[in-house]
Each structure stands twice: as structure tokens, then as C-alpha cells.
mmCIF file of all heavy atoms, coordinates in Angstrom:
data_MODEL
# 
_entry.id   MODEL 
# 
loop_
_atom_site.group_PDB 
_atom_site.id 
_atom_site.type_symbol 
_atom_site.label_atom_id 
_atom_site.label_alt_id 
_atom_site.label_comp_id 
_atom_site.label_asym_id 
_atom_site.label_entity_id 
_atom_site.label_seq_id 
_atom_site.pdbx_PDB_ins_code 
_atom_site.Cartn_x 
_atom_site.Cartn_y 
_atom_site.Cartn_z 
_atom_site.occupancy 
_atom_site.B_iso_or_equiv 
_atom_site.pdbx_formal_charge 
_atom_site.auth_seq_id 
_atom_site.auth_comp_id 
_atom_site.auth_asym_id 
_atom_site.auth_atom_id 
_atom_site.pdbx_PDB_model_num 
ATOM 1   N N   . ASN A 1 1  ? 0.848  -1.314 0.021  1.00 0.00 ? 1  ASN A N   1 
ATOM 2   C CA  . ASN A 1 1  ? 0.005  0.015  -0.032 1.00 0.00 ? 1  ASN A CA  1 
ATOM 3   C C   . ASN A 1 1  ? 0.979  1.249  0.037  1.00 0.00 ? 1  ASN A C   1 
ATOM 4   O O   . ASN A 1 1  ? 0.643  2.140  0.888  1.00 0.00 ? 1  ASN A O   1 
ATOM 5   C CB  . ASN A 1 1  ? -0.921 0.024  1.172  1.00 0.00 ? 1  ASN A CB  1 
ATOM 6   C CG  . ASN A 1 1  ? -1.830 1.129  1.303  1.00 0.00 ? 1  ASN A CG  1 
ATOM 7   O OD1 . ASN A 1 1  ? -2.235 1.656  0.234  1.00 0.00 ? 1  ASN A OD1 1 
ATOM 8   N ND2 . ASN A 1 1  ? -2.292 1.516  2.376  1.00 0.00 ? 1  ASN A ND2 1 
ATOM 9   N N   . PRO A 1 2  ? 1.890  1.363  -0.920 1.00 0.00 ? 2  PRO A N   1 
ATOM 10  C CA  . PRO A 1 2  ? 2.542  2.694  -1.006 1.00 0.00 ? 2  PRO A CA  1 
ATOM 11  C C   . PRO A 1 2  ? 1.608  3.780  -1.243 1.00 0.00 ? 2  PRO A C   1 
ATOM 12  O O   . PRO A 1 2  ? 0.597  3.547  -2.023 1.00 0.00 ? 2  PRO A O   1 
ATOM 13  C CB  . PRO A 1 2  ? 3.528  2.458  -2.022 1.00 0.00 ? 2  PRO A CB  1 
ATOM 14  C CG  . PRO A 1 2  ? 2.979  1.513  -2.982 1.00 0.00 ? 2  PRO A CG  1 
ATOM 15  C CD  . PRO A 1 2  ? 2.097  0.548  -2.033 1.00 0.00 ? 2  PRO A CD  1 
ATOM 16  N N   . THR A 1 3  ? 1.786  4.985  -0.547 1.00 0.00 ? 3  THR A N   1 
ATOM 17  C CA  . THR A 1 3  ? 0.787  6.068  -0.704 1.00 0.00 ? 3  THR A CA  1 
ATOM 18  C C   . THR A 1 3  ? 1.684  7.317  -0.803 1.00 0.00 ? 3  THR A C   1 
ATOM 19  O O   . THR A 1 3  ? 2.456  7.623  0.107  1.00 0.00 ? 3  THR A O   1 
ATOM 20  C CB  . THR A 1 3  ? -0.116 6.079  0.398  1.00 0.00 ? 3  THR A CB  1 
ATOM 21  O OG1 . THR A 1 3  ? -0.881 4.921  0.600  1.00 0.00 ? 3  THR A OG1 1 
ATOM 22  C CG2 . THR A 1 3  ? -1.165 7.219  0.318  1.00 0.00 ? 3  THR A CG2 1 
ATOM 23  N N   . SER A 1 4  ? 1.344  8.048  -1.746 1.00 0.00 ? 4  SER A N   1 
ATOM 24  C CA  . SER A 1 4  ? 2.045  9.349  -2.057 1.00 0.00 ? 4  SER A CA  1 
ATOM 25  C C   . SER A 1 4  ? 1.445  10.553 -1.328 1.00 0.00 ? 4  SER A C   1 
ATOM 26  O O   . SER A 1 4  ? 0.122  10.626 -1.292 1.00 0.00 ? 4  SER A O   1 
ATOM 27  C CB  . SER A 1 4  ? 2.181  9.718  -3.466 1.00 0.00 ? 4  SER A CB  1 
ATOM 28  O OG  . SER A 1 4  ? 2.697  10.975 -3.749 1.00 0.00 ? 4  SER A OG  1 
ATOM 29  N N   . SER A 1 5  ? 2.199  11.446 -0.620 1.00 0.00 ? 5  SER A N   1 
ATOM 30  C CA  . SER A 1 5  ? 1.820  12.635 -0.083 1.00 0.00 ? 5  SER A CA  1 
ATOM 31  C C   . SER A 1 5  ? 2.201  13.761 -1.013 1.00 0.00 ? 5  SER A C   1 
ATOM 32  O O   . SER A 1 5  ? 2.092  14.974 -0.553 1.00 0.00 ? 5  SER A O   1 
ATOM 33  C CB  . SER A 1 5  ? 2.261  12.641 1.331  1.00 0.00 ? 5  SER A CB  1 
ATOM 34  O OG  . SER A 1 5  ? 3.660  12.837 1.386  1.00 0.00 ? 5  SER A OG  1 
ATOM 35  N N   . GLU A 1 6  ? 2.646  13.604 -2.168 1.00 0.00 ? 6  GLU A N   1 
ATOM 36  C CA  . GLU A 1 6  ? 3.111  14.694 -3.023 1.00 0.00 ? 6  GLU A CA  1 
ATOM 37  C C   . GLU A 1 6  ? 2.060  15.851 -3.229 1.00 0.00 ? 6  GLU A C   1 
ATOM 38  O O   . GLU A 1 6  ? 2.422  16.897 -3.051 1.00 0.00 ? 6  GLU A O   1 
ATOM 39  C CB  . GLU A 1 6  ? 3.508  14.095 -4.340 1.00 0.00 ? 6  GLU A CB  1 
ATOM 40  C CG  . GLU A 1 6  ? 4.158  15.115 -5.360 1.00 0.00 ? 6  GLU A CG  1 
ATOM 41  C CD  . GLU A 1 6  ? 4.472  14.582 -6.781 1.00 0.00 ? 6  GLU A CD  1 
ATOM 42  O OE1 . GLU A 1 6  ? 4.450  13.445 -6.846 1.00 0.00 ? 6  GLU A OE1 1 
ATOM 43  O OE2 . GLU A 1 6  ? 4.820  15.428 -7.531 1.00 0.00 ? 6  GLU A OE2 1 
ATOM 44  N N   . LEU A 1 7  ? 0.784  15.464 -3.425 1.00 0.00 ? 7  LEU A N   1 
ATOM 45  C CA  . LEU A 1 7  ? -0.193 16.499 -3.597 1.00 0.00 ? 7  LEU A CA  1 
ATOM 46  C C   . LEU A 1 7  ? -0.394 17.256 -2.369 1.00 0.00 ? 7  LEU A C   1 
ATOM 47  O O   . LEU A 1 7  ? -0.446 18.520 -2.276 1.00 0.00 ? 7  LEU A O   1 
ATOM 48  C CB  . LEU A 1 7  ? -1.504 15.850 -3.889 1.00 0.00 ? 7  LEU A CB  1 
ATOM 49  C CG  . LEU A 1 7  ? -2.742 16.893 -4.212 1.00 0.00 ? 7  LEU A CG  1 
ATOM 50  C CD1 . LEU A 1 7  ? -2.468 17.823 -5.352 1.00 0.00 ? 7  LEU A CD1 1 
ATOM 51  C CD2 . LEU A 1 7  ? -3.953 16.094 -4.545 1.00 0.00 ? 7  LEU A CD2 1 
ATOM 52  N N   . THR A 1 8  ? -0.498 16.524 -1.176 1.00 0.00 ? 8  THR A N   1 
ATOM 53  C CA  . THR A 1 8  ? -0.632 17.262 0.073  1.00 0.00 ? 8  THR A CA  1 
ATOM 54  C C   . THR A 1 8  ? 0.587  18.222 0.378  1.00 0.00 ? 8  THR A C   1 
ATOM 55  O O   . THR A 1 8  ? 0.473  19.393 0.876  1.00 0.00 ? 8  THR A O   1 
ATOM 56  C CB  . THR A 1 8  ? -0.644 16.159 1.352  1.00 0.00 ? 8  THR A CB  1 
ATOM 57  O OG1 . THR A 1 8  ? -1.709 15.360 1.007  1.00 0.00 ? 8  THR A OG1 1 
ATOM 58  C CG2 . THR A 1 8  ? -0.750 16.825 2.556  1.00 0.00 ? 8  THR A CG2 1 
ATOM 59  N N   . ARG A 1 9  ? 1.759  17.702 0.014  1.00 0.00 ? 9  ARG A N   1 
ATOM 60  C CA  . ARG A 1 9  ? 2.891  18.617 0.287  1.00 0.00 ? 9  ARG A CA  1 
ATOM 61  C C   . ARG A 1 9  ? 2.966  19.804 -0.611 1.00 0.00 ? 9  ARG A C   1 
ATOM 62  O O   . ARG A 1 9  ? 3.262  20.968 -0.204 1.00 0.00 ? 9  ARG A O   1 
ATOM 63  C CB  . ARG A 1 9  ? 4.169  17.810 -0.038 1.00 0.00 ? 9  ARG A CB  1 
ATOM 64  C CG  . ARG A 1 9  ? 4.515  16.710 0.866  1.00 0.00 ? 9  ARG A CG  1 
ATOM 65  C CD  . ARG A 1 9  ? 5.576  15.818 0.559  1.00 0.00 ? 9  ARG A CD  1 
ATOM 66  N NE  . ARG A 1 9  ? 5.693  14.589 1.273  1.00 0.00 ? 9  ARG A NE  1 
ATOM 67  C CZ  . ARG A 1 9  ? 6.736  14.218 2.075  1.00 0.00 ? 9  ARG A CZ  1 
ATOM 68  N NH1 . ARG A 1 9  ? 7.713  15.068 2.106  1.00 0.00 ? 9  ARG A NH1 1 
ATOM 69  N NH2 . ARG A 1 9  ? 6.638  13.096 2.792  1.00 0.00 ? 9  ARG A NH2 1 
ATOM 70  N N   . LYS A 1 10 ? 2.513  19.614 -1.806 1.00 0.00 ? 10 LYS A N   1 
ATOM 71  C CA  . LYS A 1 10 ? 2.316  20.837 -2.806 1.00 0.00 ? 10 LYS A CA  1 
ATOM 72  C C   . LYS A 1 10 ? 1.405  21.768 -2.331 1.00 0.00 ? 10 LYS A C   1 
ATOM 73  O O   . LYS A 1 10 ? 1.438  23.045 -2.323 1.00 0.00 ? 10 LYS A O   1 
ATOM 74  C CB  . LYS A 1 10 ? 2.169  20.306 -4.191 1.00 0.00 ? 10 LYS A CB  1 
ATOM 75  C CG  . LYS A 1 10 ? 3.349  19.752 -4.863 1.00 0.00 ? 10 LYS A CG  1 
ATOM 76  C CD  . LYS A 1 10 ? 3.098  19.313 -6.335 1.00 0.00 ? 10 LYS A CD  1 
ATOM 77  C CE  . LYS A 1 10 ? 4.309  18.731 -6.938 1.00 0.00 ? 10 LYS A CE  1 
ATOM 78  N NZ  . LYS A 1 10 ? 4.035  18.196 -8.233 1.00 0.00 ? 10 LYS A NZ  1 
ATOM 79  N N   . LEU A 1 11 ? 0.138  21.298 -2.091 1.00 0.00 ? 11 LEU A N   1 
ATOM 80  C CA  . LEU A 1 11 ? -1.046 22.077 -1.790 1.00 0.00 ? 11 LEU A CA  1 
ATOM 81  C C   . LEU A 1 11 ? -0.949 22.889 -0.508 1.00 0.00 ? 11 LEU A C   1 
ATOM 82  O O   . LEU A 1 11 ? -1.281 24.025 -0.427 1.00 0.00 ? 11 LEU A O   1 
ATOM 83  C CB  . LEU A 1 11 ? -2.221 21.303 -1.605 1.00 0.00 ? 11 LEU A CB  1 
ATOM 84  C CG  . LEU A 1 11 ? -3.044 20.871 -2.915 1.00 0.00 ? 11 LEU A CG  1 
ATOM 85  C CD1 . LEU A 1 11 ? -4.231 19.894 -2.623 1.00 0.00 ? 11 LEU A CD1 1 
ATOM 86  C CD2 . LEU A 1 11 ? -3.520 22.108 -3.676 1.00 0.00 ? 11 LEU A CD2 1 
ATOM 87  N N   . LEU A 1 12 ? -0.206 22.182 0.473  1.00 0.00 ? 12 LEU A N   1 
ATOM 88  C CA  . LEU A 1 12 ? -0.311 22.837 1.902  1.00 0.00 ? 12 LEU A CA  1 
ATOM 89  C C   . LEU A 1 12 ? 1.208  23.294 2.294  1.00 0.00 ? 12 LEU A C   1 
ATOM 90  O O   . LEU A 1 12 ? 1.339  23.947 3.344  1.00 0.00 ? 12 LEU A O   1 
ATOM 91  C CB  . LEU A 1 12 ? -0.709 21.793 2.929  1.00 0.00 ? 12 LEU A CB  1 
ATOM 92  C CG  . LEU A 1 12 ? -2.138 21.272 2.771  1.00 0.00 ? 12 LEU A CG  1 
ATOM 93  C CD1 . LEU A 1 12 ? -2.413 20.290 3.796  1.00 0.00 ? 12 LEU A CD1 1 
ATOM 94  C CD2 . LEU A 1 12 ? -3.126 22.435 2.649  1.00 0.00 ? 12 LEU A CD2 1 
ATOM 95  N N   . GLY A 1 13 ? 2.124  23.111 1.379  1.00 0.00 ? 13 GLY A N   1 
ATOM 96  C CA  . GLY A 1 13 ? 3.550  23.326 1.764  1.00 0.00 ? 13 GLY A CA  1 
ATOM 97  C C   . GLY A 1 13 ? 4.050  22.621 3.019  1.00 0.00 ? 13 GLY A C   1 
ATOM 98  O O   . GLY A 1 13 ? 4.719  22.924 3.823  1.00 0.00 ? 13 GLY A O   1 
ATOM 99  N N   . TRP A 1 14 ? 3.408  21.278 3.200  1.00 0.00 ? 14 TRP A N   1 
ATOM 100 C CA  . TRP A 1 14 ? 3.815  20.573 4.287  1.00 0.00 ? 14 TRP A CA  1 
ATOM 101 C C   . TRP A 1 14 ? 4.903  19.677 4.068  1.00 0.00 ? 14 TRP A C   1 
ATOM 102 O O   . TRP A 1 14 ? 5.107  19.029 2.965  1.00 0.00 ? 14 TRP A O   1 
ATOM 103 C CB  . TRP A 1 14 ? 2.572  19.637 4.512  1.00 0.00 ? 14 TRP A CB  1 
ATOM 104 C CG  . TRP A 1 14 ? 2.678  18.644 5.612  1.00 0.00 ? 14 TRP A CG  1 
ATOM 105 C CD1 . TRP A 1 14 ? 2.817  18.821 7.007  1.00 0.00 ? 14 TRP A CD1 1 
ATOM 106 C CD2 . TRP A 1 14 ? 2.737  17.223 5.551  1.00 0.00 ? 14 TRP A CD2 1 
ATOM 107 N NE1 . TRP A 1 14 ? 2.959  17.618 7.689  1.00 0.00 ? 14 TRP A NE1 1 
ATOM 108 C CE2 . TRP A 1 14 ? 2.853  16.600 6.756  1.00 0.00 ? 14 TRP A CE2 1 
ATOM 109 C CE3 . TRP A 1 14 ? 2.736  16.301 4.379  1.00 0.00 ? 14 TRP A CE3 1 
ATOM 110 C CZ2 . TRP A 1 14 ? 2.830  15.186 6.973  1.00 0.00 ? 14 TRP A CZ2 1 
ATOM 111 C CZ3 . TRP A 1 14 ? 2.787  14.984 4.523  1.00 0.00 ? 14 TRP A CZ3 1 
ATOM 112 C CH2 . TRP A 1 14 ? 2.835  14.492 5.905  1.00 0.00 ? 14 TRP A CH2 1 
ATOM 113 N N   . ASP A 1 15 ? 5.709  19.480 5.075  1.00 0.00 ? 15 ASP A N   1 
ATOM 114 C CA  . ASP A 1 15 ? 6.834  18.625 5.016  1.00 0.00 ? 15 ASP A CA  1 
ATOM 115 C C   . ASP A 1 15 ? 6.992  17.988 6.380  1.00 0.00 ? 15 ASP A C   1 
ATOM 116 O O   . ASP A 1 15 ? 7.112  18.588 7.438  1.00 0.00 ? 15 ASP A O   1 
ATOM 117 C CB  . ASP A 1 15 ? 8.151  19.304 4.683  1.00 0.00 ? 15 ASP A CB  1 
ATOM 118 C CG  . ASP A 1 15 ? 9.213  18.357 4.166  1.00 0.00 ? 15 ASP A CG  1 
ATOM 119 O OD1 . ASP A 1 15 ? 8.959  17.307 3.642  1.00 0.00 ? 15 ASP A OD1 1 
ATOM 120 O OD2 . ASP A 1 15 ? 10.408 18.716 4.288  1.00 0.00 ? 15 ASP A OD2 1 
ATOM 121 N N   . PRO A 1 16 ? 6.964  16.554 6.391  1.00 0.00 ? 16 PRO A N   1 
ATOM 122 C CA  . PRO A 1 16 ? 7.111  15.938 7.692  1.00 0.00 ? 16 PRO A CA  1 
ATOM 123 C C   . PRO A 1 16 ? 8.320  16.284 8.443  1.00 0.00 ? 16 PRO A C   1 
ATOM 124 O O   . PRO A 1 16 ? 9.444  16.382 7.800  1.00 0.00 ? 16 PRO A O   1 
ATOM 125 C CB  . PRO A 1 16 ? 7.069  14.447 7.352  1.00 0.00 ? 16 PRO A CB  1 
ATOM 126 C CG  . PRO A 1 16 ? 6.437  14.431 5.998  1.00 0.00 ? 16 PRO A CG  1 
ATOM 127 C CD  . PRO A 1 16 ? 6.802  15.641 5.406  1.00 0.00 ? 16 PRO A CD  1 
ATOM 128 N N   . ALA A 1 17 ? 8.336  16.660 9.735  1.00 0.00 ? 17 ALA A N   1 
ATOM 129 C CA  . ALA A 1 17 ? 9.517  17.118 10.507 1.00 0.00 ? 17 ALA A CA  1 
ATOM 130 C C   . ALA A 1 17 ? 9.946  16.141 11.574 1.00 0.00 ? 17 ALA A C   1 
ATOM 131 O O   . ALA A 1 17 ? 10.930 16.405 12.210 1.00 0.00 ? 17 ALA A O   1 
ATOM 132 C CB  . ALA A 1 17 ? 9.208  18.479 11.025 1.00 0.00 ? 17 ALA A CB  1 
ATOM 133 N N   . HIS A 1 18 ? 9.089  15.133 11.821 1.00 0.00 ? 18 HIS A N   1 
ATOM 134 C CA  . HIS A 1 18 ? 9.359  14.232 12.975 1.00 0.00 ? 18 HIS A CA  1 
ATOM 135 C C   . HIS A 1 18 ? 9.899  12.905 12.456 1.00 0.00 ? 18 HIS A C   1 
ATOM 136 O O   . HIS A 1 18 ? 9.893  12.681 11.233 1.00 0.00 ? 18 HIS A O   1 
ATOM 137 C CB  . HIS A 1 18 ? 8.134  14.088 13.784 1.00 0.00 ? 18 HIS A CB  1 
ATOM 138 C CG  . HIS A 1 18 ? 7.678  15.362 14.379 1.00 0.00 ? 18 HIS A CG  1 
ATOM 139 N ND1 . HIS A 1 18 ? 6.897  16.268 13.930 1.00 0.00 ? 18 HIS A ND1 1 
ATOM 140 C CD2 . HIS A 1 18 ? 8.041  15.877 15.626 1.00 0.00 ? 18 HIS A CD2 1 
ATOM 141 C CE1 . HIS A 1 18 ? 6.818  17.352 14.592 1.00 0.00 ? 18 HIS A CE1 1 
ATOM 142 N NE2 . HIS A 1 18 ? 7.522  17.136 15.729 1.00 0.00 ? 18 HIS A NE2 1 
ATOM 143 N N   . PRO A 1 19 ? 10.331 12.036 13.288 1.00 0.00 ? 19 PRO A N   1 
ATOM 144 C CA  . PRO A 1 19 ? 11.029 10.823 12.847 1.00 0.00 ? 19 PRO A CA  1 
ATOM 145 C C   . PRO A 1 19 ? 10.028 9.894  12.143 1.00 0.00 ? 19 PRO A C   1 
ATOM 146 O O   . PRO A 1 19 ? 8.809  9.914  12.338 1.00 0.00 ? 19 PRO A O   1 
ATOM 147 C CB  . PRO A 1 19 ? 11.334 10.089 14.167 1.00 0.00 ? 19 PRO A CB  1 
ATOM 148 C CG  . PRO A 1 19 ? 11.428 11.185 15.268 1.00 0.00 ? 19 PRO A CG  1 
ATOM 149 C CD  . PRO A 1 19 ? 10.477 12.319 14.759 1.00 0.00 ? 19 PRO A CD  1 
ATOM 150 N N   . GLY A 1 20 ? 10.659 9.117  11.144 1.00 0.00 ? 20 GLY A N   1 
ATOM 151 C CA  . GLY A 1 20 ? 9.960  8.215  10.441 1.00 0.00 ? 20 GLY A CA  1 
ATOM 152 C C   . GLY A 1 20 ? 9.648  6.927  11.381 1.00 0.00 ? 20 GLY A C   1 
ATOM 153 O O   . GLY A 1 20 ? 10.163 6.841  12.439 1.00 0.00 ? 20 GLY A O   1 
ATOM 154 N N   . LEU A 1 21 ? 9.011  5.972  10.847 1.00 0.00 ? 21 LEU A N   1 
ATOM 155 C CA  . LEU A 1 21 ? 8.430  4.820  11.636 1.00 0.00 ? 21 LEU A CA  1 
ATOM 156 C C   . LEU A 1 21 ? 9.629  4.048  12.138 1.00 0.00 ? 21 LEU A C   1 
ATOM 157 O O   . LEU A 1 21 ? 9.764  3.673  13.460 1.00 0.00 ? 21 LEU A O   1 
ATOM 158 C CB  . LEU A 1 21 ? 7.553  3.956  10.824 1.00 0.00 ? 21 LEU A CB  1 
ATOM 159 C CG  . LEU A 1 21 ? 7.126  2.658  11.532 1.00 0.00 ? 21 LEU A CG  1 
ATOM 160 C CD1 . LEU A 1 21 ? 6.375  2.942  12.956 1.00 0.00 ? 21 LEU A CD1 1 
ATOM 161 C CD2 . LEU A 1 21 ? 6.268  1.846  10.639 1.00 0.00 ? 21 LEU A CD2 1 
ATOM 162 N N   . ILE A 1 22 ? 10.633 3.707  11.375 1.00 0.00 ? 22 ILE A N   1 
ATOM 163 C CA  . ILE A 1 22 ? 11.681 2.829  11.870 1.00 0.00 ? 22 ILE A CA  1 
ATOM 164 C C   . ILE A 1 22 ? 12.488 3.512  12.914 1.00 0.00 ? 22 ILE A C   1 
ATOM 165 O O   . ILE A 1 22 ? 12.921 3.017  13.895 1.00 0.00 ? 22 ILE A O   1 
ATOM 166 C CB  . ILE A 1 22 ? 12.491 2.381  10.662 1.00 0.00 ? 22 ILE A CB  1 
ATOM 167 C CG1 . ILE A 1 22 ? 11.698 1.590  9.628  1.00 0.00 ? 22 ILE A CG1 1 
ATOM 168 C CG2 . ILE A 1 22 ? 13.837 1.516  11.108 1.00 0.00 ? 22 ILE A CG2 1 
ATOM 169 C CD1 . ILE A 1 22 ? 10.969 0.396  10.316 1.00 0.00 ? 22 ILE A CD1 1 
ATOM 170 N N   . GLU A 1 23 ? 12.807 4.853  12.643 1.00 0.00 ? 23 GLU A N   1 
ATOM 171 C CA  . GLU A 1 23 ? 13.495 5.789  13.624 1.00 0.00 ? 23 GLU A CA  1 
ATOM 172 C C   . GLU A 1 23 ? 12.816 5.859  15.007 1.00 0.00 ? 23 GLU A C   1 
ATOM 173 O O   . GLU A 1 23 ? 13.300 5.718  15.956 1.00 0.00 ? 23 GLU A O   1 
ATOM 174 C CB  . GLU A 1 23 ? 13.845 7.012  13.041 1.00 0.00 ? 23 GLU A CB  1 
ATOM 175 C CG  . GLU A 1 23 ? 14.719 7.893  14.010 1.00 0.00 ? 23 GLU A CG  1 
ATOM 176 C CD  . GLU A 1 23 ? 14.914 9.260  13.451 1.00 0.00 ? 23 GLU A CD  1 
ATOM 177 O OE1 . GLU A 1 23 ? 14.690 9.561  12.275 1.00 0.00 ? 23 GLU A OE1 1 
ATOM 178 O OE2 . GLU A 1 23 ? 15.438 10.152 14.154 1.00 0.00 ? 23 GLU A OE2 1 
ATOM 179 N N   . ASP A 1 24 ? 11.465 5.971  14.840 1.00 0.00 ? 24 ASP A N   1 
ATOM 180 C CA  . ASP A 1 24 ? 10.582 6.160  16.079 1.00 0.00 ? 24 ASP A CA  1 
ATOM 181 C C   . ASP A 1 24 ? 10.594 4.818  16.797 1.00 0.00 ? 24 ASP A C   1 
ATOM 182 O O   . ASP A 1 24 ? 10.731 4.831  17.937 1.00 0.00 ? 24 ASP A O   1 
ATOM 183 C CB  . ASP A 1 24 ? 9.315  6.523  15.689 1.00 0.00 ? 24 ASP A CB  1 
ATOM 184 C CG  . ASP A 1 24 ? 8.452  7.025  16.750 1.00 0.00 ? 24 ASP A CG  1 
ATOM 185 O OD1 . ASP A 1 24 ? 8.945  7.377  17.810 1.00 0.00 ? 24 ASP A OD1 1 
ATOM 186 O OD2 . ASP A 1 24 ? 7.198  7.185  16.606 1.00 0.00 ? 24 ASP A OD2 1 
# 
């Protein structure tokens, strides 16, 4: 189930800032 957040990032200027799952 790969899921892209490209549209969300573009529309909202959003970029995840916290650790990814494996790091967490």
C-alpha cells in the first residue's frame, strides 16, 4: 500500500518534520 503525499505537500507546503516509523 505505498501512498504518495506529493499532492498534500504541494497544496499545503507541508513537509514531515518528525522521525519516520523505523527511527521512532
